[in-house]
Amino acid sequence: MEDPKDQIKEGNQPINVELTDEIAEGIYSNLAMIAHSNSEFVVDFIRLMPGIPKAKVKSRIIMTPDHAKRLLAALKDNIDKYEQAFGKIQSGSEHPEFPMNFGGTLGEA
């Protein structure tokens, strides 16, 4: 029997969602860049490492404007639920400085 949390309802039809072990591990990202055209939104998830001037795009997601708006609503809903359970998320500055300062001292090789 399938776990009900692995199903998404699309209209009246359930959609089974498969999550492979590789994808379940996730990809760490500490920066996202968003671009759009009249027909799609492109979200690049980037990993920026301290002391390394070149950041790498680790994943690119392309979606329709409708799905981008749904994602925004879902993120807002989840952030609201998170803050109700764990308290307000403390943001740093509105816009991070580049290059980002990860704190600590710079290492040398």
PDB file of N, CA and C in Angstrom:
ATOM      1  N   MET A   1       0.844  -1.191   0.000  1.00  0.00           N
ATOM      2  CA  MET A   1       0.000   0.000   0.000  1.00  0.00           C
ATOM      3  C   MET A   1       0.882   1.245   0.000  1.00  0.00           C
ATOM      4  N   GLU A   2       0.514   2.219  -0.800  1.00  0.00           N
ATOM      5  CA  GLU A   2       1.317   3.425  -0.900  1.00  0.00           C
ATOM      6  C   GLU A   2       0.995   4.388   0.223  1.00  0.00           C
ATOM      7  N   ASP A   3       2.025   5.124   0.608  1.00  0.00           N
ATOM      8  CA  ASP A   3       1.884   6.137   1.643  1.00  0.00           C
ATOM      9  C   ASP A   3       1.080   7.301   1.067  1.00  0.00           C
ATOM     10  N   PRO A   4      -0.009   7.742   1.742  1.00  0.00           N
ATOM     11  CA  PRO A   4      -0.834   8.827   1.185  1.00  0.00           C
ATOM     12  C   PRO A   4      -0.072  10.130   0.991  1.00  0.00           C
ATOM     13  N   LYS A   5       1.009  10.343   1.743  1.00  0.00           N
ATOM     14  CA  LYS A   5       1.759  11.587   1.556  1.00  0.00           C
ATOM     15  C   LYS A   5       2.544  11.582   0.250  1.00  0.00           C
ATOM     16  N   ASP A   6       2.655  10.396  -0.408  1.00  0.00           N
ATOM     17  CA  ASP A   6       3.327  10.296  -1.685  1.00  0.00           C
ATOM     18  C   ASP A   6       2.381  10.536  -2.851  1.00  0.00           C
ATOM     19  N   GLN A   7       1.166  10.997  -2.559  1.00  0.00           N
ATOM     20  CA  GLN A   7       0.193  11.276  -3.610  1.00  0.00           C
ATOM     21  C   GLN A   7      -0.190  12.749  -3.588  1.00  0.00           C
ATOM     22  N   ILE A   8      -0.371  13.274  -4.755  1.00  0.00           N
ATOM     23  CA  ILE A   8      -0.824  14.646  -4.925  1.00  0.00           C
ATOM     24  C   ILE A   8      -2.142  14.579  -5.671  1.00  0.00           C
ATOM     25  N   LYS A   9      -3.101  15.385  -5.283  1.00  0.00           N
ATOM     26  CA  LYS A   9      -4.399  15.418  -5.980  1.00  0.00           C
ATOM     27  C   LYS A   9      -4.340  16.458  -7.091  1.00  0.00           C
ATOM     28  N   GLU A  10      -4.659  16.054  -8.278  1.00  0.00           N
ATOM     29  CA  GLU A  10      -4.780  16.957  -9.414  1.00  0.00           C
ATOM     30  C   GLU A  10      -6.208  16.818  -9.899  1.00  0.00           C
ATOM     31  N   GLY A  11      -7.060  17.765  -9.506  1.00  0.00           N
ATOM     32  CA  GLY A  11      -8.488  17.610  -9.772  1.00  0.00           C
ATOM     33  C   GLY A  11      -8.998  16.475  -8.908  1.00  0.00           C
ATOM     34  N   ASN A  12      -9.630  15.485  -9.509  1.00  0.00           N
ATOM     35  CA  ASN A  12     -10.119  14.324  -8.769  1.00  0.00           C
ATOM     36  C   ASN A  12      -9.157  13.145  -8.841  1.00  0.00           C
ATOM     37  N   GLN A  13      -8.098  13.268  -9.636  1.00  0.00           N
ATOM     38  CA  GLN A  13      -7.181  12.160  -9.845  1.00  0.00           C
ATOM     39  C   GLN A  13      -5.948  12.289  -8.944  1.00  0.00           C
ATOM     40  N   PRO A  14      -5.635  11.228  -8.168  1.00  0.00           N
ATOM     41  CA  PRO A  14      -4.375  11.258  -7.419  1.00  0.00           C
ATOM     42  C   PRO A  14      -3.196  11.010  -8.359  1.00  0.00           C
ATOM     43  N   ILE A  15      -2.098  11.672  -8.106  1.00  0.00           N
ATOM     44  CA  ILE A  15      -0.872  11.483  -8.878  1.00  0.00           C
ATOM     45  C   ILE A  15       0.160  10.894  -7.930  1.00  0.00           C
ATOM     46  N   ASN A  16       0.696   9.744  -8.270  1.00  0.00           N
ATOM     47  CA  ASN A  16       1.746   9.137  -7.460  1.00  0.00           C
ATOM     48  C   ASN A  16       3.064   9.839  -7.754  1.00  0.00           C
ATOM     49  N   VAL A  17       3.780  10.204  -6.702  1.00  0.00           N
ATOM     50  CA  VAL A  17       5.045  10.914  -6.832  1.00  0.00           C
ATOM     51  C   VAL A  17       6.165   9.986  -6.384  1.00  0.00           C
ATOM     52  N   GLU A  18       7.139   9.771  -7.252  1.00  0.00           N
ATOM     53  CA  GLU A  18       8.283   8.923  -6.927  1.00  0.00           C
ATOM     54  C   GLU A  18       9.457   9.796  -6.512  1.00  0.00           C
ATOM     55  N   LEU A  19      10.107   9.428  -5.422  1.00  0.00           N
ATOM     56  CA  LEU A  19      11.274  10.147  -4.922  1.00  0.00           C
ATOM     57  C   LEU A  19      12.424   9.156  -4.844  1.00  0.00           C
ATOM     58  N   THR A  20      13.376   9.282  -5.773  1.00  0.00           N
ATOM     59  CA  THR A  20      14.512   8.366  -5.777  1.00  0.00           C
ATOM     60  C   THR A  20      15.449   8.691  -4.617  1.00  0.00           C
ATOM     61  N   ASP A  21      16.280   7.725  -4.261  1.00  0.00           N
ATOM     62  CA  ASP A  21      17.244   7.938  -3.171  1.00  0.00           C
ATOM     63  C   ASP A  21      18.181   9.098  -3.486  1.00  0.00           C
ATOM     64  N   GLU A  22      18.624   9.194  -4.741  1.00  0.00           N
ATOM     65  CA  GLU A  22      19.549  10.262  -5.129  1.00  0.00           C
ATOM     66  C   GLU A  22      18.907  11.638  -4.952  1.00  0.00           C
ATOM     67  N   ILE A  23      17.673  11.790  -5.416  1.00  0.00           N
ATOM     68  CA  ILE A  23      16.981  13.071  -5.292  1.00  0.00           C
ATOM     69  C   ILE A  23      16.639  13.356  -3.834  1.00  0.00           C
ATOM     70  N   ALA A  24      16.317  12.318  -3.056  1.00  0.00           N
ATOM     71  CA  ALA A  24      15.956  12.491  -1.649  1.00  0.00           C
ATOM     72  C   ALA A  24      17.110  13.071  -0.834  1.00  0.00           C
ATOM     73  N   GLU A  25      18.345  12.865  -1.276  1.00  0.00           N
ATOM     74  CA  GLU A  25      19.501  13.432  -0.570  1.00  0.00           C
ATOM     75  C   GLU A  25      19.504  14.949  -0.637  1.00  0.00           C
ATOM     76  N   GLY A  26      18.942  15.506  -1.670  1.00  0.00           N
ATOM     77  CA  GLY A  26      18.859  16.952  -1.818  1.00  0.00           C
ATOM     78  C   GLY A  26      20.165  17.561  -2.294  1.00  0.00           C
ATOM     79  N   ILE A  27      20.092  18.837  -2.613  1.00  0.00           N
ATOM     80  CA  ILE A  27      21.254  19.609  -3.041  1.00  0.00           C
ATOM     81  C   ILE A  27      21.247  20.889  -2.220  1.00  0.00           C
ATOM     82  N   TYR A  28      22.371  21.177  -1.560  1.00  0.00           N
ATOM     83  CA  TYR A  28      22.461  22.396  -0.745  1.00  0.00           C
ATOM     84  C   TYR A  28      22.643  23.606  -1.653  1.00  0.00           C
ATOM     85  N   SER A  29      21.890  24.650  -1.364  1.00  0.00           N
ATOM     86  CA  SER A  29      21.994  25.906  -2.091  1.00  0.00           C
ATOM     87  C   SER A  29      21.861  27.048  -1.092  1.00  0.00           C
ATOM     88  N   ASN A  30      22.715  28.053  -1.221  1.00  0.00           N
ATOM     89  CA  ASN A  30      22.605  29.215  -0.346  1.00  0.00           C
ATOM     90  C   ASN A  30      22.395  30.510  -1.132  1.00  0.00           C
ATOM     91  N   LEU A  31      22.029  30.357  -2.401  1.00  0.00           N
ATOM     92  CA  LEU A  31      21.744  31.514  -3.239  1.00  0.00           C
ATOM     93  C   LEU A  31      20.846  31.061  -4.382  1.00  0.00           C
ATOM     94  N   ALA A  32      19.878  31.871  -4.731  1.00  0.00           N
ATOM     95  CA  ALA A  32      19.027  31.583  -5.885  1.00  0.00           C
ATOM     96  C   ALA A  32      18.955  32.832  -6.751  1.00  0.00           C
ATOM     97  N   MET A  33      19.000  32.624  -8.052  1.00  0.00           N
ATOM     98  CA  MET A  33      18.839  33.720  -9.005  1.00  0.00           C
ATOM     99  C   MET A  33      17.646  33.381  -9.872  1.00  0.00           C
ATOM    100  N   ILE A  34      16.806  34.373 -10.121  1.00  0.00           N
ATOM    101  CA  ILE A  34      15.559  34.147 -10.848  1.00  0.00           C
ATOM    102  C   ILE A  34      15.519  35.052 -12.073  1.00  0.00           C
ATOM    103  N   ALA A  35      15.148  34.465 -13.204  1.00  0.00           N
ATOM    104  CA  ALA A  35      14.944  35.221 -14.436  1.00  0.00           C
ATOM    105  C   ALA A  35      13.594  34.794 -15.011  1.00  0.00           C
ATOM    106  N   HIS A  36      13.051  35.606 -15.900  1.00  0.00           N
ATOM    107  CA  HIS A  36      11.771  35.231 -16.503  1.00  0.00           C
ATOM    108  C   HIS A  36      11.641  35.807 -17.905  1.00  0.00           C
ATOM    109  N   SER A  37      10.786  35.159 -18.665  1.00  0.00           N
ATOM    110  CA  SER A  37      10.366  35.658 -19.979  1.00  0.00           C
ATOM    111  C   SER A  37       8.847  35.730 -19.935  1.00  0.00           C
ATOM    112  N   ASN A  38       8.228  35.964 -21.047  1.00  0.00           N
ATOM    113  CA  ASN A  38       6.761  36.016 -21.048  1.00  0.00           C
ATOM    114  C   ASN A  38       6.145  34.636 -20.855  1.00  0.00           C
ATOM    115  N   SER A  39       6.910  33.564 -21.026  1.00  0.00           N
ATOM    116  CA  SER A  39       6.331  32.230 -20.954  1.00  0.00           C
ATOM    117  C   SER A  39       6.903  31.330 -19.865  1.00  0.00           C
ATOM    118  N   GLU A  40       7.986  31.744 -19.188  1.00  0.00           N
ATOM    119  CA  GLU A  40       8.575  30.872 -18.171  1.00  0.00           C
ATOM    120  C   GLU A  40       9.391  31.638 -17.144  1.00  0.00           C
ATOM    121  N   PHE A  41       9.528  31.017 -15.988  1.00  0.00           N
ATOM    122  CA  PHE A  41      10.421  31.483 -14.941  1.00  0.00           C
ATOM    123  C   PHE A  41      11.558  30.475 -14.836  1.00  0.00           C
ATOM    124  N   VAL A  42      12.780  30.957 -14.660  1.00  0.00           N
ATOM    125  CA  VAL A  42      13.948  30.103 -14.494  1.00  0.00           C
ATOM    126  C   VAL A  42      14.554  30.427 -13.136  1.00  0.00           C
ATOM    127  N   VAL A  43      14.671  29.403 -12.293  1.00  0.00           N
ATOM    128  CA  VAL A  43      15.263  29.581 -10.967  1.00  0.00           C
ATOM    129  C   VAL A  43      16.538  28.748 -10.919  1.00  0.00           C
ATOM    130  N   ASP A  44      17.673  29.425 -10.762  1.00  0.00           N
ATOM    131  CA  ASP A  44      18.959  28.752 -10.605  1.00  0.00           C
ATOM    132  C   ASP A  44      19.298  28.706  -9.126  1.00  0.00           C
ATOM    133  N   PHE A  45      19.524  27.492  -8.613  1.00  0.00           N
ATOM    134  CA  PHE A  45      19.942  27.301  -7.233  1.00  0.00           C
ATOM    135  C   PHE A  45      21.453  27.141  -7.240  1.00  0.00           C
ATOM    136  N   ILE A  46      22.127  27.990  -6.469  1.00  0.00           N
ATOM    137  CA  ILE A  46      23.578  28.133  -6.535  1.00  0.00           C
ATOM    138  C   ILE A  46      24.189  27.833  -5.177  1.00  0.00           C
ATOM    139  N   ARG A  47      25.368  27.230  -5.198  1.00  0.00           N
ATOM    140  CA  ARG A  47      26.136  27.028  -3.970  1.00  0.00           C
ATOM    141  C   ARG A  47      27.334  27.957  -4.034  1.00  0.00           C
ATOM    142  N   LEU A  48      27.365  28.918  -3.104  1.00  0.00           N
ATOM    143  CA  LEU A  48      28.446  29.887  -3.004  1.00  0.00           C
ATOM    144  C   LEU A  48      29.322  29.481  -1.835  1.00  0.00           C
ATOM    145  N   MET A  49      30.600  29.220  -2.107  1.00  0.00           N
ATOM    146  CA  MET A  49      31.512  28.759  -1.062  1.00  0.00           C
ATOM    147  C   MET A  49      32.436  29.899  -0.632  1.00  0.00           C
ATOM    148  N   PRO A  50      32.781  29.941   0.653  1.00  0.00           N
ATOM    149  CA  PRO A  50      33.638  31.023   1.155  1.00  0.00           C
ATOM    150  C   PRO A  50      35.013  30.984   0.501  1.00  0.00           C
ATOM    151  N   GLY A  51      35.487  32.162   0.123  1.00  0.00           N
ATOM    152  CA  GLY A  51      36.824  32.293  -0.434  1.00  0.00           C
ATOM    153  C   GLY A  51      36.965  31.824  -1.871  1.00  0.00           C
ATOM    154  N   ILE A  52      35.888  31.372  -2.481  1.00  0.00           N
ATOM    155  CA  ILE A  52      35.950  30.912  -3.866  1.00  0.00           C
ATOM    156  C   ILE A  52      35.118  31.874  -4.706  1.00  0.00           C
ATOM    157  N   PRO A  53      35.775  32.611  -5.617  1.00  0.00           N
ATOM    158  CA  PRO A  53      35.050  33.649  -6.363  1.00  0.00           C
ATOM    159  C   PRO A  53      34.065  33.113  -7.388  1.00  0.00           C
ATOM    160  N   LYS A  54      34.156  31.816  -7.727  1.00  0.00           N
ATOM    161  CA  LYS A  54      33.279  31.257  -8.751  1.00  0.00           C
ATOM    162  C   LYS A  54      32.230  30.373  -8.082  1.00  0.00           C
ATOM    163  N   ALA A  55      30.971  30.748  -8.223  1.00  0.00           N
ATOM    164  CA  ALA A  55      29.866  29.967  -7.663  1.00  0.00           C
ATOM    165  C   ALA A  55      29.320  29.050  -8.740  1.00  0.00           C
ATOM    166  N   LYS A  56      28.810  27.885  -8.327  1.00  0.00           N
ATOM    167  CA  LYS A  56      28.290  26.918  -9.287  1.00  0.00           C
ATOM    168  C   LYS A  56      26.777  26.781  -9.163  1.00  0.00           C
ATOM    169  N   VAL A  57      26.109  26.779 -10.318  1.00  0.00           N
ATOM    170  CA  VAL A  57      24.687  26.466 -10.344  1.00  0.00           C
ATOM    171  C   VAL A  57      24.573  24.962 -10.114  1.00  0.00           C
ATOM    172  N   LYS A  58      23.837  24.583  -9.069  1.00  0.00           N
ATOM    173  CA  LYS A  58      23.684  23.172  -8.729  1.00  0.00           C
ATOM    174  C   LYS A  58      22.403  22.585  -9.286  1.00  0.00           C
ATOM    175  N   SER A  59      21.409  23.435  -9.546  1.00  0.00           N
ATOM    176  CA  SER A  59      20.150  22.952 -10.099  1.00  0.00           C
ATOM    177  C   SER A  59      19.435  24.117 -10.773  1.00  0.00           C
ATOM    178  N   ARG A  60      18.771  23.829 -11.867  1.00  0.00           N
ATOM    179  CA  ARG A  60      17.976  24.841 -12.570  1.00  0.00           C
ATOM    180  C   ARG A  60      16.565  24.291 -12.708  1.00  0.00           C
ATOM    181  N   ILE A  61      15.589  25.084 -12.267  1.00  0.00           N
ATOM    182  CA  ILE A  61      14.181  24.711 -12.378  1.00  0.00           C
ATOM    183  C   ILE A  61      13.508  25.714 -13.310  1.00  0.00           C
ATOM    184  N   ILE A  62      12.811  25.191 -14.303  1.00  0.00           N
ATOM    185  CA  ILE A  62      12.091  26.039 -15.265  1.00  0.00           C
ATOM    186  C   ILE A  62      10.612  25.735 -15.107  1.00  0.00           C
ATOM    187  N   MET A  63       9.808  26.783 -14.940  1.00  0.00           N
ATOM    188  CA  MET A  63       8.369  26.576 -14.727  1.00  0.00           C
ATOM    189  C   MET A  63       7.562  27.675 -15.400  1.00  0.00           C
ATOM    190  N   THR A  64       6.281  27.392 -15.567  1.00  0.00           N
ATOM    191  CA  THR A  64       5.376  28.371 -16.159  1.00  0.00           C
ATOM    192  C   THR A  64       5.098  29.488 -15.138  1.00  0.00           C
ATOM    193  N   PRO A  65       4.645  30.650 -15.599  1.00  0.00           N
ATOM    194  CA  PRO A  65       4.282  31.716 -14.658  1.00  0.00           C
ATOM    195  C   PRO A  65       3.220  31.267 -13.652  1.00  0.00           C
ATOM    196  N   ASP A  66       2.247  30.474 -14.091  1.00  0.00           N
ATOM    197  CA  ASP A  66       1.212  29.972 -13.188  1.00  0.00           C
ATOM    198  C   ASP A  66       1.832  29.128 -12.073  1.00  0.00           C
ATOM    199  N   HIS A  67       2.734  28.233 -12.429  1.00  0.00           N
ATOM    200  CA  HIS A  67       3.368  27.401 -11.410  1.00  0.00           C
ATOM    201  C   HIS A  67       4.301  28.209 -10.509  1.00  0.00           C
ATOM    202  N   ALA A  68       4.947  29.233 -11.053  1.00  0.00           N
ATOM    203  CA  ALA A  68       5.797  30.099 -10.225  1.00  0.00           C
ATOM    204  C   ALA A  68       4.939  30.799  -9.159  1.00  0.00           C
ATOM    205  N   LYS A  69       3.760  31.250  -9.557  1.00  0.00           N
ATOM    206  CA  LYS A  69       2.869  31.913  -8.603  1.00  0.00           C
ATOM    207  C   LYS A  69       2.368  30.924  -7.553  1.00  0.00           C
ATOM    208  N   ARG A  70       2.078  29.675  -7.970  1.00  0.00           N
ATOM    209  CA  ARG A  70       1.679  28.648  -7.004  1.00  0.00           C
ATOM    210  C   ARG A  70       2.809  28.331  -6.036  1.00  0.00           C
ATOM    211  N   LEU A  71       4.037  28.288  -6.549  1.00  0.00           N
ATOM    212  CA  LEU A  71       5.196  28.044  -5.687  1.00  0.00           C
ATOM    213  C   LEU A  71       5.338  29.166  -4.658  1.00  0.00           C
ATOM    214  N   LEU A  72       5.169  30.405  -5.081  1.00  0.00           N
ATOM    215  CA  LEU A  72       5.232  31.541  -4.164  1.00  0.00           C
ATOM    216  C   LEU A  72       4.202  31.397  -3.049  1.00  0.00           C
ATOM    217  N   ALA A  73       2.978  31.031  -3.398  1.00  0.00           N
ATOM    218  CA  ALA A  73       1.913  30.863  -2.393  1.00  0.00           C
ATOM    219  C   ALA A  73       2.239  29.708  -1.449  1.00  0.00           C
ATOM    220  N   ALA A  74       2.759  28.608  -2.000  1.00  0.00           N
ATOM    221  CA  ALA A  74       3.098  27.452  -1.168  1.00  0.00           C
ATOM    222  C   ALA A  74       4.255  27.775  -0.221  1.00  0.00           C
ATOM    223  N   LEU A  75       5.250  28.506  -0.702  1.00  0.00           N
ATOM    224  CA  LEU A  75       6.358  28.918   0.175  1.00  0.00           C
ATOM    225  C   LEU A  75       5.863  29.825   1.290  1.00  0.00           C
ATOM    226  N   LYS A  76       5.003  30.792   0.942  1.00  0.00           N
ATOM    227  CA  LYS A  76       4.461  31.689   1.968  1.00  0.00           C
ATOM    228  C   LYS A  76       3.691  30.912   3.017  1.00  0.00           C
ATOM    229  N   ASP A  77       2.842  29.978   2.579  1.00  0.00           N
ATOM    230  CA  ASP A  77       2.067  29.154   3.503  1.00  0.00           C
ATOM    231  C   ASP A  77       2.989  28.353   4.431  1.00  0.00           C
ATOM    232  N   ASN A  78       4.024  27.756   3.865  1.00  0.00           N
ATOM    233  CA  ASN A  78       4.947  26.955   4.672  1.00  0.00           C
ATOM    234  C   ASN A  78       5.784  27.810   5.611  1.00  0.00           C
ATOM    235  N   ILE A  79       6.183  28.993   5.182  1.00  0.00           N
ATOM    236  CA  ILE A  79       6.926  29.896   6.075  1.00  0.00           C
ATOM    237  C   ILE A  79       6.034  30.338   7.223  1.00  0.00           C
ATOM    238  N   ASP A  80       4.778  30.660   6.930  1.00  0.00           N
ATOM    239  CA  ASP A  80       3.837  31.032   8.002  1.00  0.00           C
ATOM    240  C   ASP A  80       3.687  29.894   9.014  1.00  0.00           C
ATOM    241  N   LYS A  81       3.542  28.659   8.539  1.00  0.00           N
ATOM    242  CA  LYS A  81       3.408  27.507   9.441  1.00  0.00           C
ATOM    243  C   LYS A  81       4.684  27.284  10.245  1.00  0.00           C
ATOM    244  N   TYR A  82       5.830  27.436   9.604  1.00  0.00           N
ATOM    245  CA  TYR A  82       7.117  27.293  10.292  1.00  0.00           C
ATOM    246  C   TYR A  82       7.228  28.311  11.421  1.00  0.00           C
ATOM    247  N   GLU A  83       6.914  29.577  11.108  1.00  0.00           N
ATOM    248  CA  GLU A  83       7.037  30.638  12.112  1.00  0.00           C
ATOM    249  C   GLU A  83       6.040  30.452  13.250  1.00  0.00           C
ATOM    250  N   GLN A  84       4.865  29.905  12.986  1.00  0.00           N
ATOM    251  CA  GLN A  84       3.917  29.605  14.068  1.00  0.00           C
ATOM    252  C   GLN A  84       4.478  28.533  14.989  1.00  0.00           C
ATOM    253  N   ALA A  85       5.177  27.557  14.426  1.00  0.00           N
ATOM    254  CA  ALA A  85       5.711  26.447  15.224  1.00  0.00           C
ATOM    255  C   ALA A  85       7.021  26.794  15.908  1.00  0.00           C
ATOM    256  N   PHE A  86       7.904  27.558  15.241  1.00  0.00           N
ATOM    257  CA  PHE A  86       9.268  27.745  15.741  1.00  0.00           C
ATOM    258  C   PHE A  86       9.660  29.192  16.003  1.00  0.00           C
ATOM    259  N   GLY A  87       8.790  30.138  15.696  1.00  0.00           N
ATOM    260  CA  GLY A  87       9.114  31.548  15.892  1.00  0.00           C
ATOM    261  C   GLY A  87       9.558  32.196  14.591  1.00  0.00           C
ATOM    262  N   LYS A  88       9.601  33.505  14.625  1.00  0.00           N
ATOM    263  CA  LYS A  88       9.908  34.298  13.432  1.00  0.00           C
ATOM    264  C   LYS A  88      11.307  33.989  12.920  1.00  0.00           C
ATOM    265  N   ILE A  89      11.406  33.863  11.612  1.00  0.00           N
ATOM    266  CA  ILE A  89      12.706  33.674  10.970  1.00  0.00           C
ATOM    267  C   ILE A  89      13.405  35.017  10.950  1.00  0.00           C
ATOM    268  N   GLN A  90      14.591  35.051  11.521  1.00  0.00           N
ATOM    269  CA  GLN A  90      15.356  36.289  11.570  1.00  0.00           C
ATOM    270  C   GLN A  90      16.164  36.432  10.286  1.00  0.00           C
ATOM    271  N   SER A  91      15.843  37.436   9.514  1.00  0.00           N
ATOM    272  CA  SER A  91      16.578  37.694   8.279  1.00  0.00           C
ATOM    273  C   SER A  91      17.749  38.595   8.603  1.00  0.00           C
ATOM    274  N   GLY A  92      18.819  38.423   7.834  1.00  0.00           N
ATOM    275  CA  GLY A  92      19.934  39.349   7.939  1.00  0.00           C
ATOM    276  C   GLY A  92      19.522  40.630   7.255  1.00  0.00           C
ATOM    277  N   SER A  93      20.431  41.200   6.509  1.00  0.00           N
ATOM    278  CA  SER A  93      20.071  42.395   5.752  1.00  0.00           C
ATOM    279  C   SER A  93      19.138  41.991   4.619  1.00  0.00           C
ATOM    280  N   GLU A  94      18.427  42.939   4.090  1.00  0.00           N
ATOM    281  CA  GLU A  94      17.502  42.654   3.000  1.00  0.00           C
ATOM    282  C   GLU A  94      18.234  42.121   1.773  1.00  0.00           C
ATOM    283  N   HIS A  95      19.427  42.645   1.512  1.00  0.00           N
ATOM    284  CA  HIS A  95      20.216  42.211   0.362  1.00  0.00           C
ATOM    285  C   HIS A  95      21.600  41.826   0.855  1.00  0.00           C
ATOM    286  N   PRO A  96      21.999  40.569   0.685  1.00  0.00           N
ATOM    287  CA  PRO A  96      23.311  40.161   1.163  1.00  0.00           C
ATOM    288  C   PRO A  96      24.424  40.844   0.381  1.00  0.00           C
ATOM    289  N   GLU A  97      25.556  41.038   1.042  1.00  0.00           N
ATOM    290  CA  GLU A  97      26.711  41.622   0.381  1.00  0.00           C
ATOM    291  C   GLU A  97      27.382  40.548  -0.464  1.00  0.00           C
ATOM    292  N   PHE A  98      27.955  40.981  -1.593  1.00  0.00           N
ATOM    293  CA  PHE A  98      28.713  40.051  -2.429  1.00  0.00           C
ATOM    294  C   PHE A  98      30.140  40.544  -2.509  1.00  0.00           C
ATOM    295  N   PRO A  99      31.152  39.728  -2.325  1.00  0.00           N
ATOM    296  CA  PRO A  99      30.993  38.320  -1.991  1.00  0.00           C
ATOM    297  C   PRO A  99      30.459  38.174  -0.573  1.00  0.00           C
ATOM    298  N   MET A 100      29.721  37.094  -0.341  1.00  0.00           N
ATOM    299  CA  MET A 100      29.126  36.868   0.965  1.00  0.00           C
ATOM    300  C   MET A 100      30.217  36.571   1.982  1.00  0.00           C
ATOM    301  N   ASN A 101      30.079  37.127   3.178  1.00  0.00           N
ATOM    302  CA  ASN A 101      31.028  36.879   4.252  1.00  0.00           C
ATOM    303  C   ASN A 101      30.473  35.768   5.120  1.00  0.00           C
ATOM    304  N   PHE A 102      31.170  34.638   5.159  1.00  0.00           N
ATOM    305  CA  PHE A 102      30.719  33.501   5.942  1.00  0.00           C
ATOM    306  C   PHE A 102      31.229  33.569   7.376  1.00  0.00           C
ATOM    307  N   GLY A 103      31.952  34.636   7.732  1.00  0.00           N
ATOM    308  CA  GLY A 103      32.487  34.756   9.082  1.00  0.00           C
ATOM    309  C   GLY A 103      33.775  33.984   9.222  1.00  0.00           C
ATOM    310  N   GLY A 104      34.447  34.167  10.330  1.00  0.00           N
ATOM    311  CA  GLY A 104      35.685  33.455  10.566  1.00  0.00           C
ATOM    312  C   GLY A 104      36.822  34.059   9.769  1.00  0.00           C
ATOM    313  N   THR A 105      37.946  33.410   9.848  1.00  0.00           N
ATOM    314  CA  THR A 105      39.115  33.904   9.143  1.00  0.00           C
ATOM    315  C   THR A 105      39.269  33.192   7.812  1.00  0.00           C
ATOM    316  N   LEU A 106      39.950  33.830   6.889  1.00  0.00           N
ATOM    317  CA  LEU A 106      40.191  33.209   5.601  1.00  0.00           C
ATOM    318  C   LEU A 106      41.299  32.184   5.737  1.00  0.00           C
ATOM    319  N   GLY A 107      41.122  31.036   5.137  1.00  0.00           N
ATOM    320  CA  GLY A 107      42.143  29.994   5.195  1.00  0.00           C
ATOM    321  C   GLY A 107      43.193  30.211   4.140  1.00  0.00           C
ATOM    322  N   GLU A 108      44.369  29.650   4.376  1.00  0.00           N
ATOM    323  CA  GLU A 108      45.442  29.719   3.397  1.00  0.00           C
ATOM    324  C   GLU A 108      45.944  28.309   3.137  1.00  0.00           C
ATOM    325  N   ALA A 109      46.390  28.084   1.909  1.00  0.00           N
ATOM    326  CA  ALA A 109      46.940  26.754   1.569  1.00  0.00           C
ATOM    327  C   ALA A 109      48.440  26.818   1.454  1.00  0.00           C
TER     328      ALA A 109
END
